[in-house]
């Protein structure tokens, strides 16, 4: 962010409180009253968040206004009792809210849940927490992703949207914050995927509530890439300790480059990299992360490149525990087109031991082709190339 955060606006369901089971149970009860079939609880992850009337349409599979109104009335009547069953704040949320209060940062809630139900829920799960504002769905205000709710809260709190961090777990939330001009943070403990959050404008990703604290002091957002199962971002200084574990894996080194030592990653080069990353995120190394915990499972690196020739040389390393899961191919398919477009490259190449058949298969699945095979150090090495689409 370019200026200090003065307020944080949170979504409610899937962000502050784990409401999935109770919403699913209540919705299926209401559907049964209207003769509709139940929906598995996990499917509600994809149909919650757009307001009660839209939920009714999705559960009932109809746009009939009378049936939707009947569902909404039954849901509003029954949900409070359901929310007393298992709905709780997510672990770490209470501590996050306390940390915000200690810093003098105002916290507010904006949700598409009807306002009365939102206030009831917060009184149940967080009776001791005072929010600067709570805004649920109301007849006089359009629902998210319209930014009107953000603007109303900002006016009440006396802050500008540019000084707000908007936190949520869905595409609706990311669009709401973006349209309001606020910074956006997507949480990975909620109902939707990291890919949905990244593709709809999340500037920050949080695997746990405490991660959001790093967004509060003008920390610049990082460019993220997301695949079906992975997230990639520029490497940070804190990633090096995990990288060193990869480099010290003698068996992986032997398989990858024919010797058990760490190759180029000797003490001096590691310390030089640490110093560089303390100043800014890497421009050439991208860390590969596994949601929802954002565990570091490897990295992709642009070792050198030339704009004149349009060629770059790269390297990939995954921790051995993450081999044979398809993660390497998935990471390459996202990273290669991005880095080629960013650096105006036409070809990316790398060297692989000819005897390393599993690695050759990985790169082939990522659209690398064999360009050359030559002996080096008593072993045959293959040069593989990836070509940018024309």
Protein backbone atom coordinates (compact mmCIF):
# COMPACT_ATOMS: atom_id res chain seq x y z
CA UNK A 1 0.00 0.00 0.00
CA UNK A 2 1.19 3.52 -0.70
CA UNK A 3 -0.22 5.01 2.49
CA UNK A 4 -0.76 3.85 6.03
CA UNK A 5 -3.84 1.74 6.74
CA UNK A 6 -6.28 3.52 9.01
CA UNK A 7 -9.14 1.04 8.84
CA UNK A 8 -9.74 -2.59 7.94
CA UNK A 9 -13.11 -3.65 6.55
CA UNK A 10 -13.86 -7.36 6.85
CA UNK A 11 -16.29 -9.63 5.11
CA UNK A 12 -18.12 -11.82 7.65
CA UNK A 13 -18.93 -15.36 6.45
CA UNK A 14 -15.75 -17.22 5.55
CA UNK A 15 -13.53 -14.37 6.71
CA UNK A 16 -14.23 -13.62 10.36
CA UNK A 17 -16.55 -16.52 11.18
CA UNK A 18 -16.79 -20.13 10.03
CA UNK A 19 -20.49 -20.30 9.23
CA UNK A 20 -20.51 -22.93 6.49
CA UNK A 21 -22.12 -25.84 8.34
CA UNK A 22 -24.82 -23.73 9.94
CA UNK A 23 -25.73 -21.90 6.72
CA UNK A 24 -25.85 -25.20 4.84
CA UNK A 25 -27.95 -26.85 7.52
CA UNK A 26 -30.41 -23.96 7.71
CA UNK A 27 -30.66 -23.62 3.92
CA UNK A 28 -31.34 -27.33 3.46
CA UNK A 29 -33.98 -27.22 6.18
CA UNK A 30 -35.71 -24.33 4.40
CA UNK A 31 -35.38 -26.12 1.05
CA UNK A 32 -37.09 -29.20 2.53
CA UNK A 33 -40.00 -27.06 3.68
CA UNK A 34 -40.47 -26.05 0.02
CA UNK A 35 -40.02 -29.54 -1.36
CA UNK A 36 -36.52 -29.02 -2.75
CA UNK A 37 -33.69 -31.54 -2.50
CA UNK A 38 -30.80 -30.91 -0.07
CA UNK A 39 -27.38 -29.76 -1.28
CA UNK A 40 -24.09 -31.17 0.13
CA UNK A 41 -22.57 -28.77 2.66
CA UNK A 42 -19.31 -28.41 0.74
CA UNK A 43 -21.15 -27.07 -2.32
CA UNK A 44 -22.24 -24.08 -0.26
CA UNK A 45 -18.66 -22.80 -0.48
CA UNK A 46 -19.42 -21.80 -4.06
CA UNK A 47 -22.95 -20.41 -3.63
CA UNK A 48 -22.62 -18.26 -0.49
CA UNK A 49 -21.71 -14.58 -0.65
CA UNK A 50 -24.09 -12.88 -3.07
CA UNK A 51 -26.95 -12.21 -0.68
CA UNK A 52 -29.90 -14.20 0.65
CA UNK A 53 -32.14 -13.90 -2.42
CA UNK A 54 -29.38 -15.21 -4.69
CA UNK A 55 -28.71 -18.05 -2.25
CA UNK A 56 -32.42 -18.92 -2.41
CA UNK A 57 -32.31 -19.02 -6.22
CA UNK A 58 -29.30 -21.33 -6.18
CA UNK A 59 -30.65 -23.68 -3.51
CA UNK A 60 -34.14 -23.93 -5.00
CA UNK A 61 -33.05 -23.81 -8.63
CA UNK A 62 -35.76 -21.32 -9.49
CA UNK A 63 -36.41 -17.64 -10.06
CA UNK A 64 -40.02 -17.90 -8.89
CA UNK A 65 -40.44 -14.85 -6.64
CA UNK A 66 -43.01 -16.44 -4.32
CA UNK A 67 -40.77 -19.44 -3.58
CA UNK A 68 -37.71 -17.24 -3.15
CA UNK A 69 -39.57 -14.96 -0.73
CA UNK A 70 -40.82 -17.96 1.22
CA UNK A 71 -37.28 -19.37 1.46
CA UNK A 72 -35.84 -16.01 2.59
CA UNK A 73 -38.50 -15.61 5.30
CA UNK A 74 -37.93 -19.13 6.62
CA UNK A 75 -34.14 -18.71 6.47
CA UNK A 76 -34.18 -15.39 8.36
CA UNK A 77 -36.38 -16.94 11.04
CA UNK A 78 -34.33 -20.12 11.50
CA UNK A 79 -30.73 -19.01 10.97
CA UNK A 80 -30.21 -17.43 14.42
CA UNK A 81 -30.90 -20.77 16.11
CA UNK A 82 -28.62 -22.56 13.64
CA UNK A 83 -25.79 -20.06 14.22
CA UNK A 84 -25.81 -20.94 17.92
CA UNK A 85 -24.80 -24.51 17.07
CA UNK A 86 -21.29 -24.47 15.63
CA UNK A 87 -20.48 -21.02 14.18
CA UNK A 88 -17.27 -19.64 15.67
CA UNK A 89 -14.61 -17.06 14.87
CA UNK A 90 -11.76 -18.58 12.92
CA UNK A 91 -8.64 -19.31 15.02
CA UNK A 92 -6.47 -16.20 15.24
CA UNK A 93 -9.19 -13.71 14.31
CA UNK A 94 -9.72 -12.51 17.88
CA UNK A 95 -5.99 -11.93 18.29
CA UNK A 96 -5.87 -10.06 14.97
CA UNK A 97 -8.70 -7.74 16.04
CA UNK A 98 -6.91 -7.08 19.34
CA UNK A 99 -3.71 -6.25 17.46
CA UNK A 100 -5.58 -3.81 15.23
CA UNK A 101 -7.11 -2.08 18.27
CA UNK A 102 -3.67 -1.83 19.87
CA UNK A 103 -2.40 -0.05 16.76
CA UNK A 104 -5.33 2.33 16.71
CA UNK A 105 -6.70 0.86 13.47
CA UNK A 106 -10.48 0.78 13.18
CA UNK A 107 -12.18 -2.50 12.25
CA UNK A 108 -15.53 -2.72 10.47
CA UNK A 109 -17.69 -5.40 8.86
CA UNK A 110 -19.41 -5.30 5.46
CA UNK A 111 -21.45 -8.35 4.48
CA UNK A 112 -24.19 -9.40 2.09
CA UNK A 113 -25.86 -11.20 4.98
CA UNK A 114 -29.05 -9.38 6.07
CA UNK A 115 -28.11 -6.72 8.61
CA UNK A 116 -30.11 -8.12 11.53
CA UNK A 117 -28.59 -11.58 11.03
CA UNK A 118 -25.08 -10.10 10.83
CA UNK A 119 -25.52 -8.23 14.10
CA UNK A 120 -26.98 -11.32 15.79
CA UNK A 121 -24.04 -13.43 14.61
CA UNK A 122 -21.42 -10.96 15.84
CA UNK A 123 -23.17 -10.64 19.19
CA UNK A 124 -22.92 -14.43 19.51
CA UNK A 125 -19.35 -15.09 18.32
CA UNK A 126 -17.70 -11.81 19.39
CA UNK A 127 -19.75 -10.22 22.19
CA UNK A 128 -16.67 -8.54 23.66
CA UNK A 129 -15.43 -6.99 20.39
CA UNK A 130 -16.56 -3.52 19.36
CA UNK A 131 -16.53 -2.87 15.62
CA UNK A 132 -16.45 0.74 14.43
CA UNK A 133 -19.23 -0.12 11.97
CA UNK A 134 -21.28 -3.13 10.90
CA UNK A 135 -23.16 -3.01 7.59
CA UNK A 136 -25.27 -5.93 6.42
CA UNK A 137 -27.54 -6.14 3.42
CA UNK A 138 -30.25 -3.45 3.56
CA UNK A 139 -33.00 -2.28 1.25
CA UNK A 140 -31.50 1.19 0.87
CA UNK A 141 -28.02 0.02 -0.20
CA UNK A 142 -26.93 -2.20 -3.10
CA UNK A 143 -25.19 -5.40 -2.14
CA UNK A 144 -21.53 -6.18 -2.82
CA UNK A 145 -19.68 -5.97 -5.17
CA UNK A 146 -21.16 -2.48 -5.44
CA UNK A 147 -18.73 -0.32 -3.41
CA UNK A 148 -21.49 1.78 -1.82
CA UNK A 149 -21.12 -0.11 1.46
CA UNK A 150 -17.40 0.63 1.59
CA UNK A 151 -18.02 4.32 0.91
CA UNK A 152 -20.69 4.50 3.65
CA UNK A 153 -18.37 2.88 6.19
CA UNK A 154 -15.48 5.15 5.21
CA UNK A 155 -17.66 8.22 5.68
CA UNK A 156 -18.74 6.99 9.11
CA UNK A 157 -15.16 6.24 10.15
CA UNK A 158 -13.73 9.45 8.69
CA UNK A 159 -11.23 7.73 6.40
CA UNK A 160 -10.58 7.67 2.67
CA UNK A 161 -10.94 4.34 0.79
CA UNK A 162 -7.26 4.55 -0.18
CA UNK A 163 -6.41 4.19 3.52
CA UNK A 164 -8.55 1.04 3.88
CA UNK A 165 -7.58 -2.61 3.66
CA UNK A 166 -10.56 -4.64 2.49
CA UNK A 167 -10.37 -8.29 3.61
CA UNK A 168 -12.48 -11.13 2.27
CA UNK A 169 -12.54 -14.68 0.97
CA UNK A 170 -14.25 -14.41 -2.42
CA UNK A 171 -14.25 -12.79 -5.85
CA UNK A 172 -17.15 -10.60 -4.70
CA UNK A 173 -14.98 -9.22 -1.91
CA UNK A 174 -11.96 -8.56 -4.13
CA UNK A 175 -14.13 -6.75 -6.67
CA UNK A 176 -15.80 -4.71 -3.91
CA UNK A 177 -12.48 -3.50 -2.52
CA UNK A 178 -11.00 -2.85 -5.96
CA UNK A 179 -14.02 -0.83 -7.13
CA UNK A 180 -13.88 1.22 -3.95
CA UNK A 181 -10.19 2.04 -4.40
CA UNK A 182 -9.12 0.12 -1.28
CA UNK A 183 -6.27 -2.35 -0.99
CA UNK A 184 -7.49 -5.95 -1.13
CA UNK A 185 -6.41 -8.97 0.88
CA UNK A 186 -7.73 -12.47 0.23
CA UNK A 187 -7.88 -14.99 3.07
CA UNK A 188 -7.22 -18.66 2.40
CA UNK A 189 -9.05 -20.10 5.40
CA UNK A 190 -12.45 -19.19 3.95
CA UNK A 191 -14.77 -20.63 1.35
CA UNK A 192 -13.04 -19.92 -1.98
CA UNK A 193 -9.75 -20.78 -3.66
CA UNK A 194 -6.49 -18.87 -3.89
CA UNK A 195 -6.88 -18.90 -7.66
CA UNK A 196 -10.24 -17.11 -7.49
CA UNK A 197 -8.79 -14.47 -5.17
CA UNK A 198 -5.68 -13.83 -7.27
CA UNK A 199 -7.57 -13.71 -10.55
CA UNK A 200 -10.07 -11.18 -9.17
CA UNK A 201 -7.53 -8.73 -7.81
CA UNK A 202 -6.20 -9.81 -4.41
CA UNK A 203 -3.11 -7.71 -3.72
CA UNK A 204 -2.22 -9.71 -0.62
CA UNK A 205 -2.87 -13.31 0.40
CA UNK A 206 -3.16 -14.42 4.02
CA UNK A 207 -2.83 -18.03 5.14
CA UNK A 208 -3.60 -17.07 8.74
CA UNK A 209 -5.08 -13.94 10.37
CA UNK A 210 -1.72 -12.74 11.70
CA UNK A 211 -0.42 -12.52 8.11
CA UNK A 212 -2.67 -9.49 7.59
CA UNK A 213 -0.57 -7.44 10.00
CA UNK A 214 2.20 -7.21 7.39
CA UNK A 215 -0.18 -5.26 5.12
CA UNK A 216 -0.63 -2.41 7.58
CA UNK A 217 2.59 -0.42 7.28
CA UNK A 218 2.81 0.41 3.60
CA UNK A 219 4.20 -2.97 2.52
CA UNK A 220 3.93 -3.04 -1.29
CA UNK A 221 1.68 -5.73 -2.74
CA UNK A 222 3.31 -8.61 -4.59
CA UNK A 223 2.38 -9.90 -8.02
CA UNK A 224 0.89 -13.37 -7.61
CA UNK A 225 0.29 -16.15 -10.11
CA UNK A 226 -2.27 -18.82 -9.30
CA UNK A 227 -2.98 -22.25 -10.75
CA UNK A 228 -5.51 -24.90 -9.83
CA UNK A 229 -3.44 -25.90 -6.77
CA UNK A 230 -0.52 -23.49 -6.43
CA UNK A 231 0.41 -19.86 -5.88
CA UNK A 232 3.65 -18.30 -7.13
CA UNK A 233 5.09 -14.97 -6.02
CA UNK A 234 8.48 -13.20 -6.02
CA UNK A 235 10.83 -14.66 -3.43
CA UNK A 236 11.26 -12.89 -0.08
CA UNK A 237 14.12 -12.96 2.41
CA UNK A 238 12.18 -15.26 4.72
CA UNK A 239 11.99 -17.91 1.99
CA UNK A 240 15.74 -18.54 1.95
CA UNK A 241 15.76 -20.84 4.99
CA UNK A 242 13.43 -23.26 3.19
CA UNK A 243 15.42 -22.96 -0.04
CA UNK A 244 18.54 -23.95 1.91
CA UNK A 245 16.80 -27.14 2.99
CA UNK A 246 16.27 -27.97 -0.69
CA UNK A 247 19.90 -27.17 -1.57
CA UNK A 248 21.23 -29.35 1.26
CA UNK A 249 19.25 -32.44 0.16
CA UNK A 250 22.14 -34.59 -1.08
CA UNK A 251 19.92 -37.21 -2.73
CA UNK A 252 17.90 -34.60 -4.63
CA UNK A 253 21.14 -32.91 -5.72
CA UNK A 254 22.50 -36.21 -7.00
CA UNK A 255 19.32 -36.84 -9.04
CA UNK A 256 19.11 -33.26 -10.34
CA UNK A 257 22.72 -32.51 -11.24
CA UNK A 258 24.74 -35.64 -10.63
CA UNK A 259 26.52 -34.59 -7.45
CA UNK A 260 25.48 -34.46 -3.80
CA UNK A 261 26.70 -30.91 -3.09
CA UNK A 262 24.62 -27.72 -3.34
CA UNK A 263 26.24 -26.57 -6.57
CA UNK A 264 26.27 -22.80 -7.01
CA UNK A 265 24.53 -22.17 -3.66
CA UNK A 266 27.64 -21.92 -1.49
CA UNK A 267 27.77 -19.72 1.62
CA UNK A 268 28.74 -16.47 -0.09
CA UNK A 269 26.07 -16.63 -2.77
CA UNK A 270 23.39 -17.43 -0.19
CA UNK A 271 24.41 -14.49 2.01
CA UNK A 272 24.45 -12.20 -1.02
CA UNK A 273 20.95 -13.32 -1.94
CA UNK A 274 19.74 -12.74 1.63
CA UNK A 275 21.07 -9.18 1.63
CA UNK A 276 19.39 -8.46 -1.69
CA UNK A 277 16.00 -9.82 -0.62
CA UNK A 278 16.04 -7.82 2.61
CA UNK A 279 15.91 -4.71 0.40
CA UNK A 280 13.22 -5.85 -2.06
CA UNK A 281 11.44 -8.95 -3.36
CA UNK A 282 13.34 -10.93 -5.96
CA UNK A 283 12.98 -9.99 -9.61
CA UNK A 284 14.21 -13.34 -10.89
CA UNK A 285 13.22 -16.00 -8.32
CA UNK A 286 9.58 -16.95 -7.79
CA UNK A 287 8.59 -18.99 -4.77
CA UNK A 288 6.13 -21.84 -5.31
CA UNK A 289 3.54 -22.05 -2.52
CA UNK A 290 0.89 -24.63 -1.66
CA UNK A 291 -2.42 -23.20 -0.34
CA UNK A 292 -4.16 -22.92 1.99
CA UNK A 293 -1.20 -22.79 4.40
CA UNK A 294 1.07 -21.32 1.67
CA UNK A 295 3.79 -23.85 2.45
CA UNK A 296 6.95 -23.25 0.40
CA UNK A 297 7.45 -26.27 -1.85
CA UNK A 298 10.01 -24.90 -4.31
CA UNK A 299 11.03 -22.07 -6.62
CA UNK A 300 11.46 -21.17 -10.28
CA UNK A 301 14.43 -18.98 -11.22
CA UNK A 302 15.41 -16.94 -14.26
CA UNK A 303 19.18 -17.39 -14.10
CA UNK A 304 20.06 -15.02 -16.95
CA UNK A 305 18.42 -13.50 -19.98
CA UNK A 306 19.02 -11.21 -22.93
CA UNK A 307 16.46 -8.87 -24.44
CA UNK A 308 18.62 -8.66 -27.56
CA UNK A 309 18.42 -12.38 -28.29
CA UNK A 310 15.05 -12.91 -26.63
CA UNK A 311 16.41 -15.90 -24.72
CA UNK A 312 16.56 -16.76 -21.06
CA UNK A 313 18.03 -19.59 -19.01
CA UNK A 314 16.00 -20.86 -16.08
CA UNK A 315 16.00 -23.41 -13.29
CA UNK A 316 13.34 -25.14 -11.22
CA UNK A 317 13.67 -26.76 -7.81
CA UNK A 318 11.00 -28.48 -5.75
CA UNK A 319 11.51 -30.07 -2.36
CA UNK A 320 11.71 -33.84 -2.71
CA UNK A 321 8.57 -34.32 -0.62
CA UNK A 322 6.64 -32.55 -3.39
CA UNK A 323 7.89 -34.60 -6.33
CA UNK A 324 5.50 -36.81 -8.31
CA UNK A 325 2.41 -34.70 -7.63
CA UNK A 326 2.33 -32.72 -10.89
CA UNK A 327 3.27 -29.50 -9.08
CA UNK A 328 6.36 -28.82 -11.21
CA UNK A 329 4.41 -28.97 -14.46
CA UNK A 330 1.66 -26.80 -13.01
CA UNK A 331 4.15 -24.16 -11.83
CA UNK A 332 5.97 -24.07 -15.16
CA UNK A 333 2.78 -23.65 -17.16
CA UNK A 334 1.96 -20.53 -15.15
CA UNK A 335 5.45 -19.06 -14.77
CA UNK A 336 6.93 -19.50 -18.26
CA UNK A 337 4.32 -17.44 -20.16
CA UNK A 338 4.34 -14.77 -17.45
CA UNK A 339 8.12 -14.30 -17.27
CA UNK A 340 8.44 -14.45 -21.06
CA UNK A 341 5.90 -11.67 -21.49
CA UNK A 342 7.38 -9.64 -18.63
CA UNK A 343 10.97 -9.85 -19.95
CA UNK A 344 10.08 -9.95 -23.66
CA UNK A 345 11.60 -13.40 -24.16
CA UNK A 346 10.86 -15.83 -26.96
CA UNK A 347 12.73 -18.86 -25.62
CA UNK A 348 13.50 -20.24 -22.17
CA UNK A 349 16.07 -23.03 -21.85
CA UNK A 350 17.51 -25.24 -19.14
CA UNK A 351 19.81 -28.23 -18.74
CA UNK A 352 18.67 -31.63 -17.51
CA UNK A 353 20.64 -34.83 -16.99
CA UNK A 354 19.72 -37.19 -19.82
CA UNK A 355 19.46 -39.99 -17.27
CA UNK A 356 16.84 -38.08 -15.25
CA UNK A 357 13.83 -39.55 -17.03
CA UNK A 358 11.21 -38.26 -14.54
CA UNK A 359 12.44 -34.67 -14.98
CA UNK A 360 12.40 -35.05 -18.76
CA UNK A 361 8.75 -36.13 -18.55
CA UNK A 362 7.88 -33.16 -16.32
CA UNK A 363 9.33 -30.66 -18.77
CA UNK A 364 7.74 -32.37 -21.75
CA UNK A 365 4.32 -31.99 -20.09
CA UNK A 366 5.12 -28.27 -19.68
CA UNK A 367 5.77 -27.96 -23.45
CA UNK A 368 9.58 -28.04 -23.35
CA UNK A 369 11.25 -29.68 -26.34
CA UNK A 370 14.66 -31.28 -26.73
CA UNK A 371 17.10 -28.90 -28.45
CA UNK A 372 20.47 -30.58 -27.92
CA UNK A 373 22.34 -33.34 -26.03
CA UNK A 374 26.02 -33.02 -25.15
CA UNK A 375 28.46 -34.73 -22.77
CA UNK A 376 29.68 -32.75 -19.78
CA UNK A 377 31.63 -33.99 -16.77
CA UNK A 378 31.29 -37.59 -17.88
CA UNK A 379 27.48 -37.40 -18.22
CA UNK A 380 25.09 -36.54 -21.02
CA UNK A 381 23.13 -33.32 -20.54
CA UNK A 382 20.06 -32.29 -22.48
CA UNK A 383 19.20 -28.71 -23.35
CA UNK A 384 15.43 -28.25 -23.29
CA UNK A 385 13.62 -25.22 -24.70
CA UNK A 386 10.24 -23.65 -24.12
CA UNK A 387 9.01 -21.37 -26.90
CA UNK A 388 6.57 -18.54 -26.28
CA UNK A 389 3.36 -18.84 -28.32
CA UNK A 390 3.45 -16.73 -31.45
